[in-house]
């Protein structure tokens, strides 16, 4: 049986309270999910002379699903 909206909210609040009982270091450690991003993670840094140069590089090199393309 699917829980009601009210039950779902109650469960979510209880989960949040449990998480707040953890030490800060543990919340930071487990609160972020490191995901490899193709091309972006392949070099330690990049520098561009202008925003236009950066945008052109993004459009030419990054996969669409990363969301760095210009909006139509």
N, C-alpha and C. Protein backbone atom coordinates (compact mmCIF):
# COMPACT_ATOMS: atom_id res chain seq x y z
N UNK A 1 0.84 -1.18 0.00
CA UNK A 1 0.00 0.00 0.00
C UNK A 1 0.89 1.25 0.00
N UNK A 2 0.58 2.19 -0.85
CA UNK A 2 1.36 3.42 -0.97
C UNK A 2 1.03 4.35 0.20
N UNK A 3 2.10 4.93 0.84
CA UNK A 3 1.83 5.85 1.95
C UNK A 3 1.15 7.13 1.47
N UNK A 4 0.38 7.73 2.35
CA UNK A 4 -0.29 8.99 2.01
C UNK A 4 0.73 10.12 2.02
N UNK A 5 0.33 11.24 1.49
CA UNK A 5 1.21 12.42 1.47
C UNK A 5 1.63 12.81 2.89
N UNK A 6 0.70 12.75 3.80
CA UNK A 6 0.98 13.11 5.20
C UNK A 6 1.99 12.13 5.83
N UNK A 7 1.83 10.84 5.55
CA UNK A 7 2.77 9.84 6.06
C UNK A 7 4.16 10.03 5.44
N UNK A 8 4.19 10.35 4.16
CA UNK A 8 5.46 10.58 3.48
C UNK A 8 6.19 11.77 4.10
N UNK A 9 5.46 12.85 4.37
CA UNK A 9 6.06 14.03 5.00
C UNK A 9 6.58 13.71 6.39
N UNK A 10 5.81 12.92 7.14
CA UNK A 10 6.23 12.54 8.50
C UNK A 10 7.51 11.71 8.44
N UNK A 11 7.57 10.75 7.53
CA UNK A 11 8.78 9.93 7.38
C UNK A 11 9.98 10.78 6.98
N UNK A 12 9.75 11.73 6.09
CA UNK A 12 10.83 12.62 5.66
C UNK A 12 11.35 13.45 6.84
N UNK A 13 10.45 14.00 7.63
CA UNK A 13 10.87 14.80 8.80
C UNK A 13 11.66 13.95 9.79
N UNK A 14 11.21 12.72 10.01
CA UNK A 14 11.93 11.82 10.92
C UNK A 14 13.33 11.52 10.39
N UNK A 15 13.43 11.32 9.10
CA UNK A 15 14.74 11.07 8.50
C UNK A 15 15.65 12.29 8.67
N UNK A 16 15.11 13.47 8.46
CA UNK A 16 15.89 14.70 8.64
C UNK A 16 16.37 14.84 10.08
N UNK A 17 15.51 14.55 11.03
CA UNK A 17 15.92 14.62 12.44
C UNK A 17 17.04 13.64 12.76
N UNK A 18 16.95 12.42 12.21
CA UNK A 18 18.02 11.44 12.42
C UNK A 18 19.32 11.93 11.82
N UNK A 19 19.25 12.53 10.65
CA UNK A 19 20.46 13.03 10.01
C UNK A 19 21.09 14.16 10.81
N UNK A 20 20.28 14.97 11.43
CA UNK A 20 20.81 16.09 12.23
C UNK A 20 21.51 15.60 13.49
N UNK A 21 21.24 14.36 13.90
CA UNK A 21 21.93 13.79 15.05
C UNK A 21 23.35 13.34 14.71
N UNK A 22 23.64 13.19 13.44
CA UNK A 22 24.99 12.80 13.02
C UNK A 22 25.95 13.96 13.23
N UNK A 23 27.23 13.67 13.45
CA UNK A 23 28.23 14.74 13.52
C UNK A 23 28.34 15.46 12.16
N UNK A 24 28.74 16.70 12.19
CA UNK A 24 28.83 17.50 10.97
C UNK A 24 29.74 16.84 9.94
N UNK A 25 30.87 16.31 10.35
CA UNK A 25 31.80 15.69 9.41
C UNK A 25 31.14 14.52 8.66
N UNK A 26 30.34 13.74 9.37
CA UNK A 26 29.65 12.61 8.72
C UNK A 26 28.60 13.12 7.75
N UNK A 27 27.88 14.18 8.11
CA UNK A 27 26.86 14.72 7.20
C UNK A 27 27.51 15.25 5.93
N UNK A 28 28.65 15.89 6.06
CA UNK A 28 29.35 16.40 4.87
C UNK A 28 29.87 15.24 4.04
N UNK A 29 30.47 14.24 4.71
CA UNK A 29 31.03 13.10 3.99
C UNK A 29 29.98 12.36 3.17
N UNK A 30 28.83 12.11 3.75
CA UNK A 30 27.80 11.33 3.08
C UNK A 30 26.75 12.18 2.37
N UNK A 31 26.85 13.49 2.48
CA UNK A 31 25.84 14.36 1.89
C UNK A 31 26.08 14.70 0.43
N UNK A 32 27.25 14.35 -0.09
CA UNK A 32 27.58 14.67 -1.47
C UNK A 32 27.93 13.41 -2.22
N UNK A 33 27.50 13.32 -3.45
CA UNK A 33 27.78 12.16 -4.29
C UNK A 33 28.75 12.60 -5.38
N UNK A 34 29.97 12.11 -5.32
CA UNK A 34 30.98 12.46 -6.32
C UNK A 34 30.70 11.69 -7.60
N UNK A 35 30.51 12.40 -8.68
CA UNK A 35 30.21 11.79 -9.97
C UNK A 35 31.21 12.29 -11.00
N UNK A 36 31.79 11.38 -11.74
CA UNK A 36 32.73 11.76 -12.80
C UNK A 36 31.98 12.49 -13.91
N UNK A 37 32.53 13.63 -14.31
CA UNK A 37 31.95 14.41 -15.40
C UNK A 37 32.94 14.38 -16.56
N UNK A 38 32.60 13.70 -17.66
CA UNK A 38 33.53 13.59 -18.78
C UNK A 38 33.99 14.96 -19.26
N UNK A 39 35.21 15.06 -19.64
CA UNK A 39 35.88 16.25 -20.14
C UNK A 39 36.15 17.25 -19.01
N UNK A 40 35.15 17.61 -18.23
CA UNK A 40 35.35 18.58 -17.15
C UNK A 40 36.35 18.09 -16.11
N UNK A 41 36.31 16.80 -15.79
CA UNK A 41 37.19 16.25 -14.76
C UNK A 41 38.52 15.75 -15.32
N UNK A 42 38.73 15.87 -16.61
CA UNK A 42 39.93 15.33 -17.22
C UNK A 42 41.15 16.26 -17.11
N UNK A 43 40.97 17.49 -16.74
CA UNK A 43 42.09 18.42 -16.59
C UNK A 43 41.95 19.11 -15.23
N UNK A 44 43.08 19.41 -14.56
CA UNK A 44 42.98 20.04 -13.24
C UNK A 44 42.39 21.45 -13.29
N UNK A 45 42.59 22.18 -14.39
CA UNK A 45 42.01 23.53 -14.51
C UNK A 45 42.04 23.95 -15.97
N UNK A 46 41.27 24.96 -16.28
CA UNK A 46 41.25 25.57 -17.62
C UNK A 46 41.09 27.07 -17.44
N UNK A 47 41.65 27.82 -18.38
CA UNK A 47 41.52 29.28 -18.33
C UNK A 47 41.09 29.77 -19.71
N UNK A 48 40.20 30.75 -19.71
CA UNK A 48 39.68 31.31 -20.95
C UNK A 48 39.84 32.83 -20.89
N UNK A 49 40.07 33.44 -22.04
CA UNK A 49 40.25 34.88 -22.09
C UNK A 49 38.94 35.65 -22.07
N UNK A 50 37.87 34.98 -22.39
CA UNK A 50 36.57 35.65 -22.40
C UNK A 50 35.46 34.64 -22.14
N UNK A 51 34.31 35.15 -21.79
CA UNK A 51 33.14 34.28 -21.59
C UNK A 51 32.73 33.65 -22.92
N UNK A 52 32.87 34.39 -24.01
CA UNK A 52 32.53 33.86 -25.33
C UNK A 52 33.43 32.66 -25.67
N UNK A 53 34.71 32.75 -25.35
CA UNK A 53 35.63 31.64 -25.59
C UNK A 53 35.24 30.43 -24.73
N UNK A 54 34.88 30.67 -23.49
CA UNK A 54 34.43 29.59 -22.59
C UNK A 54 33.17 28.92 -23.14
N UNK A 55 32.20 29.72 -23.55
CA UNK A 55 30.95 29.15 -24.07
C UNK A 55 31.18 28.35 -25.34
N UNK A 56 32.05 28.85 -26.21
CA UNK A 56 32.36 28.12 -27.44
C UNK A 56 33.04 26.79 -27.11
N UNK A 57 33.93 26.79 -26.12
CA UNK A 57 34.60 25.55 -25.70
C UNK A 57 33.58 24.56 -25.14
N UNK A 58 32.66 25.04 -24.32
CA UNK A 58 31.63 24.16 -23.76
C UNK A 58 30.80 23.51 -24.86
N UNK A 59 30.37 24.30 -25.81
CA UNK A 59 29.52 23.77 -26.88
C UNK A 59 30.27 22.77 -27.75
N UNK A 60 31.58 22.97 -27.93
CA UNK A 60 32.36 22.09 -28.79
C UNK A 60 32.81 20.81 -28.07
N UNK A 61 32.93 20.85 -26.74
CA UNK A 61 33.57 19.74 -26.04
C UNK A 61 32.73 18.96 -25.05
N UNK A 62 31.69 19.56 -24.51
CA UNK A 62 30.95 18.90 -23.43
C UNK A 62 29.70 18.18 -23.93
N UNK A 63 29.40 17.01 -23.34
CA UNK A 63 28.16 16.30 -23.71
C UNK A 63 26.93 17.12 -23.32
N UNK A 64 25.88 16.97 -24.09
CA UNK A 64 24.64 17.74 -23.85
C UNK A 64 24.08 17.51 -22.44
N UNK A 65 24.16 16.27 -21.95
CA UNK A 65 23.51 15.96 -20.67
C UNK A 65 24.13 16.66 -19.46
N UNK A 66 25.31 17.25 -19.62
CA UNK A 66 25.89 18.00 -18.50
C UNK A 66 25.24 19.36 -18.31
N UNK A 67 24.56 19.85 -19.33
CA UNK A 67 23.80 21.09 -19.19
C UNK A 67 24.59 22.38 -19.37
N UNK A 68 25.72 22.32 -20.06
CA UNK A 68 26.51 23.53 -20.28
C UNK A 68 26.28 24.15 -21.64
N UNK A 69 25.32 23.68 -22.37
CA UNK A 69 25.02 24.24 -23.70
C UNK A 69 24.13 25.47 -23.53
N UNK A 70 24.16 26.35 -24.51
CA UNK A 70 23.29 27.52 -24.48
C UNK A 70 21.84 27.10 -24.66
N UNK A 71 20.97 27.79 -24.00
CA UNK A 71 19.53 27.51 -24.14
C UNK A 71 19.06 28.09 -25.47
N UNK A 72 18.14 27.40 -26.16
CA UNK A 72 17.66 27.93 -27.45
C UNK A 72 16.83 29.17 -27.28
